[in-house]
Amino acid sequence: MLLGVDHFVVLVPDLEAARKACLNAGFTATPIARHSAASGTANTCIVLPQVYIELMGIVAQTPASDAWGRLLKSGPGLKGIALGTSDIEQTARQLSQRGVAADPVRHFSRAVPEGELGFSVIRLSPDLTPGLQCLYCQHHTPELLWSPDTLQHANGARRITAAMVPHGAALEPFMGGNWPALPVSDGAPGRITIAFNRPVPGAALAAIHQATGVLIEEAQAS
């Protein structure tokens, strides 16, 4: 299926170790940053054009992080997808018209060295996507995330070309939308396919798999 993916959420038990494995494989990873106190989570991101990977860890027990904690009990891995939208309010209206169970639009901001990162989200009811936490996301300051520095990777990573997502079939009702589509299939283990300019050592990719539960696959040259 084709999904308008903004980013993948990879839930891990040790965020520092997961980030280190990605750095050792030649990826650029943003500094670890905490979300709000209420969220009880922190993240680091591997930013690629259009679609990025968010590595997330639980740093405090809160009602919000409890949901992620339940998902982590089955092990680390690809546990969430954020679908992209260029108009979060329009997306909210469309979901309401379709009778899709979702939270109201919520607006967030976070200070980063370059300025204030701003985004809005709509969280889908977890009953719609068992095994996954899914949402819609609109970035209001994309230039602060997709910056020249974050997009440069020593291993030559260029873009995400496809993904395999456990329990991904539940996302079929959310195909389409106003965001560029990415091929996503249903299956386990979670797998993200990336186009690189050069081969990446297999041992480095295996270390990422061990730390995150996700396989990073090199796209076949076309």
N, C-alpha and C. Protein backbone atom coordinates (compact mmCIF):
# COMPACT_ATOMS: atom_id res chain seq x y z
N MET A 1 0.84 -1.19 0.00
CA MET A 1 0.00 0.00 0.00
C MET A 1 0.88 1.25 0.00
N LEU A 2 0.29 2.36 -0.39
CA LEU A 2 1.00 3.63 -0.42
C LEU A 2 0.47 4.52 0.70
N LEU A 3 1.36 4.94 1.59
CA LEU A 3 0.98 5.76 2.74
C LEU A 3 1.76 7.07 2.72
N GLY A 4 1.10 8.14 3.12
CA GLY A 4 1.76 9.44 3.22
C GLY A 4 2.50 9.56 4.54
N VAL A 5 3.64 8.91 4.66
CA VAL A 5 4.38 8.83 5.92
C VAL A 5 5.21 10.09 6.14
N ASP A 6 5.09 10.67 7.33
CA ASP A 6 5.96 11.76 7.75
C ASP A 6 7.19 11.19 8.46
N HIS A 7 6.94 10.30 9.42
CA HIS A 7 8.07 9.63 10.07
C HIS A 7 7.64 8.33 10.73
N PHE A 8 8.63 7.48 10.94
CA PHE A 8 8.44 6.22 11.65
C PHE A 8 8.93 6.37 13.09
N VAL A 9 8.20 5.77 14.02
CA VAL A 9 8.59 5.80 15.43
C VAL A 9 9.14 4.43 15.81
N VAL A 10 10.41 4.41 16.19
CA VAL A 10 11.07 3.18 16.62
C VAL A 10 11.26 3.28 18.13
N LEU A 11 10.57 2.42 18.86
CA LEU A 11 10.59 2.45 20.33
C LEU A 11 11.71 1.55 20.84
N VAL A 12 12.54 2.09 21.72
CA VAL A 12 13.71 1.34 22.19
C VAL A 12 13.81 1.42 23.72
N PRO A 13 14.43 0.40 24.34
CA PRO A 13 14.59 0.43 25.80
C PRO A 13 15.77 1.29 26.24
N ASP A 14 16.75 1.49 25.36
CA ASP A 14 17.96 2.25 25.70
C ASP A 14 18.23 3.23 24.57
N LEU A 15 17.79 4.46 24.75
CA LEU A 15 17.89 5.46 23.67
C LEU A 15 19.34 5.81 23.37
N GLU A 16 20.17 5.91 24.39
CA GLU A 16 21.59 6.22 24.17
C GLU A 16 22.25 5.14 23.32
N ALA A 17 21.97 3.87 23.65
CA ALA A 17 22.58 2.77 22.91
C ALA A 17 22.09 2.73 21.47
N ALA A 18 20.81 3.00 21.26
CA ALA A 18 20.27 3.01 19.90
C ALA A 18 20.89 4.13 19.08
N ARG A 19 21.02 5.30 19.69
CA ARG A 19 21.64 6.43 18.97
C ARG A 19 23.09 6.12 18.63
N LYS A 20 23.81 5.53 19.58
CA LYS A 20 25.22 5.19 19.34
C LYS A 20 25.36 4.21 18.19
N ALA A 21 24.47 3.21 18.13
CA ALA A 21 24.53 2.24 17.04
C ALA A 21 24.32 2.91 15.69
N CYS A 22 23.42 3.87 15.65
CA CYS A 22 23.16 4.59 14.39
C CYS A 22 24.35 5.48 14.02
N LEU A 23 24.93 6.15 15.01
CA LEU A 23 26.12 6.97 14.74
C LEU A 23 27.27 6.10 14.23
N ASN A 24 27.45 4.95 14.84
CA ASN A 24 28.54 4.05 14.43
C ASN A 24 28.34 3.53 13.01
N ALA A 25 27.08 3.50 12.56
CA ALA A 25 26.78 3.06 11.20
C ALA A 25 26.89 4.20 10.19
N GLY A 26 27.24 5.39 10.67
CA GLY A 26 27.44 6.51 9.76
C GLY A 26 26.25 7.41 9.57
N PHE A 27 25.20 7.21 10.37
CA PHE A 27 24.06 8.12 10.30
C PHE A 27 24.33 9.35 11.16
N THR A 28 23.77 10.47 10.77
CA THR A 28 23.71 11.65 11.63
C THR A 28 22.44 11.52 12.47
N ALA A 29 22.55 11.69 13.77
CA ALA A 29 21.39 11.61 14.66
C ALA A 29 21.33 12.88 15.49
N THR A 30 20.14 13.45 15.61
CA THR A 30 19.99 14.68 16.38
C THR A 30 20.26 14.40 17.86
N PRO A 31 20.65 15.42 18.62
CA PRO A 31 20.85 15.22 20.06
C PRO A 31 19.58 14.69 20.73
N ILE A 32 19.74 13.89 21.75
CA ILE A 32 18.59 13.38 22.48
C ILE A 32 17.88 14.55 23.16
N ALA A 33 16.58 14.61 22.98
CA ALA A 33 15.78 15.71 23.55
C ALA A 33 14.52 15.14 24.17
N ARG A 34 14.14 15.68 25.31
CA ARG A 34 12.91 15.24 25.96
C ARG A 34 11.71 15.93 25.34
N HIS A 35 10.62 15.18 25.26
CA HIS A 35 9.34 15.78 24.92
C HIS A 35 8.83 16.51 26.17
N SER A 36 7.57 16.82 26.23
CA SER A 36 7.02 17.50 27.41
C SER A 36 7.10 16.59 28.63
N ALA A 37 7.02 17.19 29.82
CA ALA A 37 7.04 16.41 31.05
C ALA A 37 5.89 15.41 31.09
N ALA A 38 4.75 15.81 30.54
CA ALA A 38 3.59 14.93 30.55
C ALA A 38 3.78 13.71 29.66
N SER A 39 4.59 13.84 28.63
CA SER A 39 4.75 12.73 27.69
C SER A 39 5.61 11.61 28.28
N GLY A 40 6.61 11.98 29.08
CA GLY A 40 7.48 10.97 29.67
C GLY A 40 8.39 10.27 28.67
N THR A 41 8.62 10.89 27.52
CA THR A 41 9.45 10.28 26.48
C THR A 41 10.52 11.25 25.99
N ALA A 42 11.52 10.69 25.33
CA ALA A 42 12.57 11.49 24.69
C ALA A 42 12.86 10.87 23.34
N ASN A 43 13.55 11.64 22.48
CA ASN A 43 13.82 11.10 21.16
C ASN A 43 15.14 11.60 20.59
N THR A 44 15.55 10.94 19.54
CA THR A 44 16.61 11.38 18.65
C THR A 44 16.16 11.00 17.25
N CYS A 45 16.50 11.81 16.26
CA CYS A 45 15.96 11.59 14.92
C CYS A 45 17.07 11.39 13.89
N ILE A 46 16.81 10.49 12.96
CA ILE A 46 17.64 10.32 11.77
C ILE A 46 16.85 10.92 10.63
N VAL A 47 17.30 12.06 10.16
CA VAL A 47 16.52 12.86 9.22
C VAL A 47 16.96 12.58 7.79
N LEU A 48 16.00 12.22 6.97
CA LEU A 48 16.21 12.00 5.55
C LEU A 48 15.15 12.80 4.79
N PRO A 49 15.35 13.08 3.52
CA PRO A 49 14.36 13.88 2.78
C PRO A 49 12.96 13.26 2.86
N GLN A 50 11.99 14.07 3.15
CA GLN A 50 10.57 13.73 3.18
C GLN A 50 10.17 12.87 4.37
N VAL A 51 10.87 11.76 4.60
CA VAL A 51 10.51 10.82 5.67
C VAL A 51 11.72 10.65 6.60
N TYR A 52 11.48 10.68 7.91
CA TYR A 52 12.59 10.48 8.84
C TYR A 52 12.25 9.39 9.85
N ILE A 53 13.25 9.02 10.63
CA ILE A 53 13.10 7.98 11.65
C ILE A 53 13.26 8.62 13.02
N GLU A 54 12.28 8.42 13.88
CA GLU A 54 12.35 8.90 15.26
C GLU A 54 12.62 7.72 16.18
N LEU A 55 13.76 7.73 16.84
CA LEU A 55 14.04 6.76 17.89
C LEU A 55 13.50 7.33 19.19
N MET A 56 12.65 6.58 19.86
CA MET A 56 11.99 7.08 21.06
C MET A 56 12.27 6.16 22.25
N GLY A 57 12.50 6.79 23.41
CA GLY A 57 12.67 6.05 24.65
C GLY A 57 11.78 6.61 25.74
N ILE A 58 11.45 5.79 26.71
CA ILE A 58 10.64 6.21 27.85
C ILE A 58 11.57 6.67 28.96
N VAL A 59 11.36 7.89 29.46
CA VAL A 59 12.24 8.45 30.50
C VAL A 59 11.51 8.70 31.81
N ALA A 60 10.18 8.62 31.81
CA ALA A 60 9.40 8.81 33.04
C ALA A 60 8.05 8.13 32.86
N GLN A 61 7.52 7.63 33.96
CA GLN A 61 6.21 6.97 33.90
C GLN A 61 5.12 8.03 34.02
N THR A 62 4.33 8.16 32.96
CA THR A 62 3.20 9.08 32.93
C THR A 62 2.05 8.37 32.23
N PRO A 63 0.82 8.88 32.32
CA PRO A 63 -0.27 8.25 31.57
C PRO A 63 0.03 8.15 30.08
N ALA A 64 0.71 9.16 29.54
CA ALA A 64 1.02 9.13 28.11
C ALA A 64 2.08 8.08 27.78
N SER A 65 3.11 7.98 28.62
CA SER A 65 4.17 7.01 28.33
C SER A 65 3.75 5.58 28.65
N ASP A 66 2.72 5.41 29.47
CA ASP A 66 2.25 4.06 29.78
C ASP A 66 1.83 3.32 28.52
N ALA A 67 1.22 4.04 27.57
CA ALA A 67 0.79 3.40 26.32
C ALA A 67 2.00 2.88 25.55
N TRP A 68 3.07 3.68 25.52
CA TRP A 68 4.30 3.23 24.87
C TRP A 68 4.92 2.07 25.65
N GLY A 69 4.83 2.13 26.98
CA GLY A 69 5.37 1.06 27.80
C GLY A 69 4.72 -0.27 27.51
N ARG A 70 3.42 -0.25 27.27
CA ARG A 70 2.73 -1.50 26.93
C ARG A 70 3.23 -2.06 25.61
N LEU A 71 3.50 -1.19 24.65
CA LEU A 71 4.02 -1.64 23.36
C LEU A 71 5.44 -2.18 23.51
N LEU A 72 6.23 -1.58 24.40
CA LEU A 72 7.61 -1.99 24.57
C LEU A 72 7.73 -3.37 25.22
N LYS A 73 6.68 -3.81 25.92
CA LYS A 73 6.72 -5.13 26.57
C LYS A 73 6.93 -6.25 25.56
N SER A 74 6.53 -6.04 24.32
CA SER A 74 6.72 -7.06 23.29
C SER A 74 8.08 -6.91 22.61
N GLY A 75 8.91 -6.00 23.12
CA GLY A 75 10.25 -5.81 22.57
C GLY A 75 10.35 -4.52 21.79
N PRO A 76 11.58 -4.08 21.51
CA PRO A 76 11.76 -2.86 20.74
C PRO A 76 11.34 -3.06 19.29
N GLY A 77 11.16 -1.96 18.59
CA GLY A 77 10.83 -2.10 17.18
C GLY A 77 10.04 -0.93 16.64
N LEU A 78 9.52 -1.14 15.46
CA LEU A 78 8.74 -0.12 14.77
C LEU A 78 7.33 -0.14 15.36
N LYS A 79 7.04 0.81 16.23
CA LYS A 79 5.80 0.79 17.01
C LYS A 79 4.86 1.95 16.70
N GLY A 80 5.24 2.82 15.78
CA GLY A 80 4.37 3.96 15.48
C GLY A 80 4.66 4.54 14.12
N ILE A 81 3.64 5.17 13.55
CA ILE A 81 3.78 5.88 12.28
C ILE A 81 3.07 7.21 12.39
N ALA A 82 3.76 8.25 11.96
CA ALA A 82 3.13 9.56 11.83
C ALA A 82 2.87 9.80 10.35
N LEU A 83 1.62 10.02 10.02
CA LEU A 83 1.24 10.35 8.65
C LEU A 83 1.34 11.86 8.47
N GLY A 84 1.82 12.29 7.34
CA GLY A 84 2.02 13.71 7.11
C GLY A 84 0.78 14.41 6.60
N THR A 85 0.67 15.67 6.92
CA THR A 85 -0.39 16.51 6.37
C THR A 85 0.12 17.94 6.25
N SER A 86 -0.32 18.62 5.22
CA SER A 86 0.04 20.04 5.06
C SER A 86 -1.02 20.95 5.64
N ASP A 87 -2.13 20.37 6.12
CA ASP A 87 -3.22 21.16 6.71
C ASP A 87 -3.89 20.32 7.79
N ILE A 88 -3.43 20.45 9.02
CA ILE A 88 -3.91 19.60 10.11
C ILE A 88 -5.39 19.83 10.41
N GLU A 89 -5.86 21.06 10.26
CA GLU A 89 -7.27 21.35 10.54
C GLU A 89 -8.17 20.70 9.50
N GLN A 90 -7.75 20.75 8.25
CA GLN A 90 -8.53 20.08 7.19
C GLN A 90 -8.55 18.57 7.43
N THR A 91 -7.41 18.01 7.82
CA THR A 91 -7.36 16.58 8.12
C THR A 91 -8.29 16.23 9.26
N ALA A 92 -8.35 17.07 10.29
CA ALA A 92 -9.25 16.83 11.42
C ALA A 92 -10.70 16.80 10.95
N ARG A 93 -11.06 17.73 10.07
CA ARG A 93 -12.44 17.75 9.55
C ARG A 93 -12.74 16.49 8.74
N GLN A 94 -11.79 16.08 7.93
CA GLN A 94 -12.01 14.89 7.11
C GLN A 94 -12.15 13.64 7.96
N LEU A 95 -11.34 13.51 8.99
CA LEU A 95 -11.46 12.35 9.88
C LEU A 95 -12.81 12.36 10.58
N SER A 96 -13.26 13.53 11.01
CA SER A 96 -14.55 13.64 11.67
C SER A 96 -15.68 13.25 10.73
N GLN A 97 -15.61 13.70 9.49
CA GLN A 97 -16.64 13.38 8.51
C GLN A 97 -16.70 11.88 8.23
N ARG A 98 -15.56 11.22 8.32
CA ARG A 98 -15.50 9.77 8.08
C ARG A 98 -15.84 8.96 9.33
N GLY A 99 -16.02 9.64 10.45
CA GLY A 99 -16.32 8.94 11.69
C GLY A 99 -15.13 8.22 12.29
N VAL A 100 -13.92 8.69 11.99
CA VAL A 100 -12.71 8.07 12.52
C VAL A 100 -12.47 8.55 13.95
N ALA A 101 -12.26 7.62 14.86
CA ALA A 101 -12.01 7.97 16.26
C ALA A 101 -10.61 8.55 16.40
N ALA A 102 -10.55 9.82 16.82
CA ALA A 102 -9.26 10.49 16.95
C ALA A 102 -9.35 11.60 17.98
N ASP A 103 -8.21 11.95 18.56
CA ASP A 103 -8.15 13.07 19.51
C ASP A 103 -8.25 14.39 18.77
N PRO A 104 -8.59 15.47 19.46
CA PRO A 104 -8.56 16.80 18.84
C PRO A 104 -7.14 17.19 18.45
N VAL A 105 -7.03 18.18 17.60
CA VAL A 105 -5.72 18.71 17.21
C VAL A 105 -5.01 19.26 18.45
N ARG A 106 -3.74 18.92 18.59
CA ARG A 106 -2.92 19.46 19.67
C ARG A 106 -1.68 20.11 19.08
N HIS A 107 -1.30 21.24 19.66
CA HIS A 107 -0.17 22.02 19.16
C HIS A 107 0.99 21.93 20.14
N PHE A 108 2.20 21.74 19.62
CA PHE A 108 3.38 21.59 20.45
C PHE A 108 4.50 22.49 19.94
N SER A 109 5.40 22.84 20.84
CA SER A 109 6.62 23.55 20.45
C SER A 109 7.74 23.14 21.39
N ARG A 110 8.95 23.21 20.87
CA ARG A 110 10.10 22.83 21.68
C ARG A 110 11.30 23.66 21.23
N ALA A 111 12.04 24.19 22.19
CA ALA A 111 13.21 24.99 21.86
C ALA A 111 14.35 24.09 21.38
N VAL A 112 14.97 24.49 20.29
CA VAL A 112 16.16 23.84 19.77
C VAL A 112 17.20 24.93 19.55
N PRO A 113 18.48 24.57 19.39
CA PRO A 113 19.50 25.61 19.23
C PRO A 113 19.21 26.60 18.11
N GLU A 114 18.54 26.14 17.05
CA GLU A 114 18.29 27.00 15.89
C GLU A 114 17.03 27.84 16.02
N GLY A 115 16.20 27.58 17.04
CA GLY A 115 14.95 28.31 17.17
C GLY A 115 13.91 27.50 17.91
N GLU A 116 12.66 27.67 17.56
CA GLU A 116 11.56 26.96 18.23
C GLU A 116 10.87 26.04 17.24
N LEU A 117 10.97 24.75 17.50
CA LEU A 117 10.36 23.74 16.66
C LEU A 117 8.86 23.70 16.95
N GLY A 118 8.02 23.83 15.93
CA GLY A 118 6.58 23.83 16.12
C GLY A 118 5.90 22.80 15.25
N PHE A 119 4.93 22.08 15.83
CA PHE A 119 4.19 21.09 15.05
C PHE A 119 2.84 20.84 15.72
N SER A 120 1.92 20.29 14.95
CA SER A 120 0.58 19.95 15.44
C SER A 120 0.29 18.50 15.10
N VAL A 121 -0.45 17.82 15.97
CA VAL A 121 -0.74 16.40 15.75
C VAL A 121 -2.20 16.08 16.04
N ILE A 122 -2.65 15.00 15.41
CA ILE A 122 -3.94 14.37 15.72
C ILE A 122 -3.63 12.90 16.00
N ARG A 123 -3.87 12.45 17.20
CA ARG A 123 -3.61 11.06 17.54
C ARG A 123 -4.84 10.21 17.22
N LEU A 124 -4.62 9.13 16.48
CA LEU A 124 -5.69 8.20 16.17
C LEU A 124 -5.93 7.29 17.37
N SER A 125 -7.16 6.84 17.53
CA SER A 125 -7.47 5.91 18.60
C SER A 125 -6.62 4.65 18.44
N PRO A 126 -5.95 4.18 19.50
CA PRO A 126 -5.15 2.96 19.38
C PRO A 126 -5.98 1.73 19.02
N ASP A 127 -7.28 1.80 19.22
CA ASP A 127 -8.14 0.68 18.83
C ASP A 127 -8.15 0.48 17.32
N LEU A 128 -7.83 1.54 16.57
CA LEU A 128 -7.84 1.45 15.10
C LEU A 128 -6.59 0.76 14.57
N THR A 129 -5.50 0.83 15.32
CA THR A 129 -4.22 0.30 14.85
C THR A 129 -3.56 -0.51 15.97
N PRO A 130 -4.08 -1.69 16.29
CA PRO A 130 -3.50 -2.49 17.37
C PRO A 130 -2.01 -2.76 17.11
N GLY A 131 -1.23 -2.60 18.17
CA GLY A 131 0.21 -2.82 18.04
C GLY A 131 0.98 -1.62 17.56
N LEU A 132 0.27 -0.54 17.24
CA LEU A 132 0.91 0.68 16.75
C LEU A 132 0.28 1.90 17.40
N GLN A 133 1.07 2.94 17.58
CA GLN A 133 0.55 4.26 17.95
C GLN A 133 0.67 5.13 16.70
N CYS A 134 -0.44 5.63 16.20
CA CYS A 134 -0.41 6.36 14.94
C CYS A 134 -1.04 7.74 15.08
N LEU A 135 -0.59 8.65 14.26
CA LEU A 135 -1.07 10.02 14.33
C LEU A 135 -0.85 10.71 12.99
N TYR A 136 -1.45 11.88 12.87
CA TYR A 136 -1.15 12.80 11.76
C TYR A 136 -0.31 13.93 12.32
N CYS A 137 0.62 14.42 11.51
CA CYS A 137 1.53 15.45 11.97
C CYS A 137 1.73 16.52 10.90
N GLN A 138 1.66 17.78 11.32
CA GLN A 138 2.02 18.90 10.45
C GLN A 138 3.16 19.66 11.10
N HIS A 139 4.25 19.83 10.37
CA HIS A 139 5.39 20.61 10.85
C HIS A 139 5.21 22.07 10.45
N HIS A 140 5.33 22.97 11.41
CA HIS A 140 5.20 24.40 11.13
C HIS A 140 6.56 25.06 10.90
N THR A 141 7.62 24.39 11.32
CA THR A 141 8.98 24.91 11.13
C THR A 141 9.86 23.80 10.54
N PRO A 142 9.52 23.29 9.37
CA PRO A 142 10.27 22.15 8.82
C PRO A 142 11.75 22.44 8.61
N GLU A 143 12.07 23.71 8.37
CA GLU A 143 13.47 24.06 8.11
C GLU A 143 14.37 23.82 9.33
N LEU A 144 13.77 23.74 10.52
CA LEU A 144 14.56 23.50 11.72
C LEU A 144 14.86 22.02 11.93
N LEU A 145 14.09 21.16 11.28
CA LEU A 145 14.33 19.72 11.38
C LEU A 145 15.11 19.23 10.16
N TRP A 146 14.59 19.57 8.98
CA TRP A 146 15.26 19.18 7.74
C TRP A 146 16.32 20.24 7.38
N SER A 147 17.37 20.27 8.14
CA SER A 147 18.43 21.26 7.92
C SER A 147 19.57 20.61 7.14
N PRO A 148 20.42 21.40 6.51
CA PRO A 148 21.55 20.82 5.77
C PRO A 148 22.41 19.89 6.63
N ASP A 149 22.60 20.24 7.89
CA ASP A 149 23.44 19.41 8.76
C ASP A 149 22.80 18.06 9.06
N THR A 150 21.50 18.06 9.38
CA THR A 150 20.85 16.79 9.74
C THR A 150 20.67 15.88 8.53
N LEU A 151 20.65 16.44 7.34
CA LEU A 151 20.43 15.65 6.13
C LEU A 151 21.72 15.02 5.58
N GLN A 152 22.86 15.41 6.14
CA GLN A 152 24.14 14.86 5.68
C GLN A 152 24.53 13.66 6.53
N HIS A 153 24.74 12.52 5.87
CA HIS A 153 25.09 11.29 6.59
C HIS A 153 26.40 10.74 6.04
N ALA A 154 27.31 10.40 6.94
CA ALA A 154 28.62 9.91 6.52
C ALA A 154 28.54 8.62 5.72
N ASN A 155 27.47 7.84 5.93
CA ASN A 155 27.33 6.58 5.21
C ASN A 155 26.66 6.74 3.84
N GLY A 156 26.37 7.98 3.45
CA GLY A 156 25.78 8.21 2.15
C GLY A 156 24.29 7.93 2.07
N ALA A 157 23.60 7.85 3.22
CA ALA A 157 22.15 7.63 3.19
C ALA A 157 21.46 8.78 2.46
N ARG A 158 20.57 8.44 1.52
CA ARG A 158 19.92 9.46 0.69
C ARG A 158 18.44 9.61 0.98
N ARG A 159 17.72 8.50 1.10
CA ARG A 159 16.28 8.60 1.32
C ARG A 159 15.72 7.24 1.69
N ILE A 160 14.58 7.25 2.35
CA ILE A 160 13.83 6.02 2.64
C ILE A 160 12.98 5.70 1.43
N THR A 161 13.05 4.46 0.97
CA THR A 161 12.32 4.07 -0.23
C THR A 161 11.12 3.17 0.04
N ALA A 162 11.10 2.49 1.19
CA ALA A 162 9.99 1.58 1.51
C ALA A 162 10.12 1.14 2.96
N ALA A 163 9.08 0.49 3.46
CA ALA A 163 9.12 -0.03 4.83
C ALA A 163 8.19 -1.22 4.97
N MET A 164 8.54 -2.10 5.90
CA MET A 164 7.65 -3.19 6.32
C MET A 164 7.31 -2.94 7.78
N VAL A 165 6.02 -2.92 8.10
CA VAL A 165 5.57 -2.53 9.43
C VAL A 165 4.73 -3.64 10.05
N PRO A 166 5.11 -4.15 11.22
CA PRO A 166 4.25 -5.11 11.91
C PRO A 166 2.87 -4.50 12.17
N HIS A 167 1.82 -5.25 11.89
CA HIS A 167 0.44 -4.80 12.06
C HIS A 167 0.08 -3.67 11.09
N GLY A 168 0.87 -3.51 10.04
CA GLY A 168 0.67 -2.40 9.11
C GLY A 168 -0.63 -2.45 8.33
N ALA A 169 -1.24 -3.62 8.20
CA ALA A 169 -2.48 -3.72 7.43
C ALA A 169 -3.58 -2.83 8.00
N ALA A 170 -3.51 -2.55 9.29
CA ALA A 170 -4.53 -1.70 9.93
C ALA A 170 -4.51 -0.28 9.38
N LEU A 171 -3.44 0.09 8.68
CA LEU A 171 -3.32 1.45 8.15
C LEU A 171 -3.92 1.61 6.77
N GLU A 172 -4.43 0.55 6.19
CA GLU A 172 -5.00 0.65 4.84
C GLU A 172 -6.09 1.71 4.72
N PRO A 173 -6.95 1.90 5.72
CA PRO A 173 -7.98 2.95 5.59
C PRO A 173 -7.40 4.36 5.51
N PHE A 174 -6.11 4.51 5.79
CA PHE A 174 -5.51 5.85 5.81
C PHE A 174 -4.60 6.11 4.62
N MET A 175 -4.74 5.30 3.59
CA MET A 175 -4.00 5.56 2.36
C MET A 175 -4.53 6.83 1.71
N GLY A 176 -3.68 7.46 0.92
CA GLY A 176 -4.08 8.71 0.25
C GLY A 176 -3.71 9.91 1.09
N GLY A 177 -4.49 10.96 0.98
CA GLY A 177 -4.19 12.19 1.71
C GLY A 177 -3.41 13.16 0.86
N ASN A 178 -2.88 14.20 1.51
CA ASN A 178 -2.20 15.27 0.77
C ASN A 178 -0.70 15.24 1.01
N TRP A 179 -0.14 14.05 1.22
CA TRP A 179 1.28 13.91 1.50
C TRP A 179 1.90 12.91 0.53
N PRO A 180 3.14 13.11 0.07
CA PRO A 180 3.77 12.15 -0.84
C PRO A 180 3.76 10.74 -0.26
N ALA A 181 3.47 9.77 -1.11
CA ALA A 181 3.25 8.40 -0.65
C ALA A 181 4.54 7.58 -0.65
N LEU A 182 4.61 6.65 0.30
CA LEU A 182 5.73 5.72 0.43
C LEU A 182 5.18 4.30 0.42
N PRO A 183 5.81 3.36 -0.29
CA PRO A 183 5.35 1.97 -0.25
C PRO A 183 5.57 1.37 1.15
N VAL A 184 4.50 0.89 1.75
CA VAL A 184 4.55 0.28 3.08
C VAL A 184 3.82 -1.05 3.02
N SER A 185 4.46 -2.11 3.50
CA SER A 185 3.83 -3.42 3.53
C SER A 185 3.67 -3.88 4.97
N ASP A 186 2.84 -4.90 5.14
CA ASP A 186 2.57 -5.46 6.47
C ASP A 186 3.47 -6.67 6.68
N GLY A 187 4.17 -6.71 7.79
CA GLY A 187 5.00 -7.87 8.07
C GLY A 187 5.95 -7.62 9.21
N ALA A 188 6.55 -8.70 9.68
CA ALA A 188 7.52 -8.61 10.78
C ALA A 188 8.78 -9.38 10.38
N PRO A 189 9.93 -8.96 10.90
CA PRO A 189 10.12 -7.80 11.78
C PRO A 189 10.05 -6.49 11.02
N GLY A 190 9.99 -5.39 11.75
CA GLY A 190 9.98 -4.09 11.10
C GLY A 190 11.23 -3.89 10.26
N ARG A 191 11.03 -3.31 9.10
CA ARG A 191 12.14 -3.14 8.16
C ARG A 191 12.00 -1.79 7.47
N ILE A 192 13.09 -1.03 7.41
CA ILE A 192 13.10 0.25 6.70
C ILE A 192 14.17 0.17 5.62
N THR A 193 13.76 0.40 4.38
CA THR A 193 14.67 0.32 3.24
C THR A 193 15.16 1.72 2.89
N ILE A 194 16.47 1.86 2.79
CA ILE A 194 17.10 3.16 2.56
C ILE A 194 18.04 3.07 1.36
N ALA A 195 18.00 4.09 0.52
CA ALA A 195 18.95 4.20 -0.58
C ALA A 195 20.22 4.88 -0.07
N PHE A 196 21.36 4.23 -0.30
CA PHE A 196 22.66 4.76 0.10
C PHE A 196 23.51 5.02 -1.14
N ASN A 197 24.48 5.89 -0.99
CA ASN A 197 25.44 6.13 -2.06
C ASN A 197 26.54 5.09 -2.10
N ARG A 198 26.71 4.37 -0.98
CA ARG A 198 27.78 3.39 -0.88
C ARG A 198 27.34 2.28 0.07
N PRO A 199 27.94 1.09 -0.02
CA PRO A 199 27.56 0.00 0.88
C PRO A 199 27.86 0.34 2.34
N VAL A 200 27.01 -0.15 3.23
CA VAL A 200 27.19 0.02 4.67
C VAL A 200 27.59 -1.33 5.26
N PRO A 201 28.61 -1.38 6.10
CA PRO A 201 29.04 -2.66 6.67
C PRO A 201 27.88 -3.40 7.34
N GLY A 202 27.78 -4.68 7.05
CA GLY A 202 26.69 -5.48 7.61
C GLY A 202 26.71 -5.51 9.12
N ALA A 203 27.90 -5.50 9.72
CA ALA A 203 28.00 -5.53 11.18
C ALA A 203 27.38 -4.29 11.80
N ALA A 204 27.53 -3.15 11.13
CA ALA A 204 26.96 -1.90 11.65
C ALA A 204 25.45 -1.94 11.59
N LEU A 205 24.90 -2.48 10.50
CA LEU A 205 23.44 -2.59 10.39
C LEU A 205 22.90 -3.62 11.38
N ALA A 206 23.67 -4.69 11.62
CA ALA A 206 23.25 -5.70 12.61
C ALA A 206 23.21 -5.10 14.01
N ALA A 207 24.12 -4.19 14.31
CA ALA A 207 24.13 -3.53 15.62
C ALA A 207 22.90 -2.65 15.79
N ILE A 208 22.47 -1.99 14.71
CA ILE A 208 21.23 -1.20 14.78
C ILE A 208 20.05 -2.12 15.04
N HIS A 209 20.01 -3.26 14.36
CA HIS A 209 18.91 -4.21 14.57
C HIS A 209 18.87 -4.68 16.02
N GLN A 210 20.03 -4.96 16.59
CA GLN A 210 20.07 -5.43 17.98
C GLN A 210 19.58 -4.36 18.94
N ALA A 211 19.91 -3.09 18.67
CA ALA A 211 19.56 -2.00 19.59
C ALA A 211 18.13 -1.52 19.42
N THR A 212 17.57 -1.70 18.22
CA THR A 212 16.26 -1.11 17.91
C THR A 212 15.17 -2.11 17.55
N GLY A 213 15.56 -3.33 17.20
CA GLY A 213 14.57 -4.29 16.73
C GLY A 213 14.14 -4.08 15.30
N VAL A 214 14.76 -3.14 14.61
CA VAL A 214 14.39 -2.81 13.22
C VAL A 214 15.55 -3.14 12.29
N LEU A 215 15.22 -3.78 11.18
CA LEU A 215 16.22 -4.06 10.15
C LEU A 215 16.34 -2.86 9.22
N ILE A 216 17.56 -2.40 9.00
CA ILE A 216 17.82 -1.39 7.99
C ILE A 216 18.32 -2.12 6.75
N GLU A 217 17.59 -1.99 5.67
CA GLU A 217 17.88 -2.70 4.43
C GLU A 217 18.36 -1.71 3.38
N GLU A 218 19.40 -2.07 2.66
CA GLU A 218 19.89 -1.22 1.59
C GLU A 218 19.03 -1.42 0.35
N ALA A 219 18.54 -0.33 -0.23
CA ALA A 219 17.73 -0.41 -1.44
C ALA A 219 18.56 -0.94 -2.59
N GLN A 220 17.94 -1.78 -3.41
CA GLN A 220 18.62 -2.30 -4.58
C GLN A 220 18.80 -1.19 -5.61
N ALA A 221 19.97 -1.13 -6.21
CA ALA A 221 20.23 -0.11 -7.23
C ALA A 221 19.30 -0.31 -8.41
N SER A 222 18.71 0.79 -8.88
CA SER A 222 17.77 0.69 -10.00
C SER A 222 18.51 0.86 -11.32
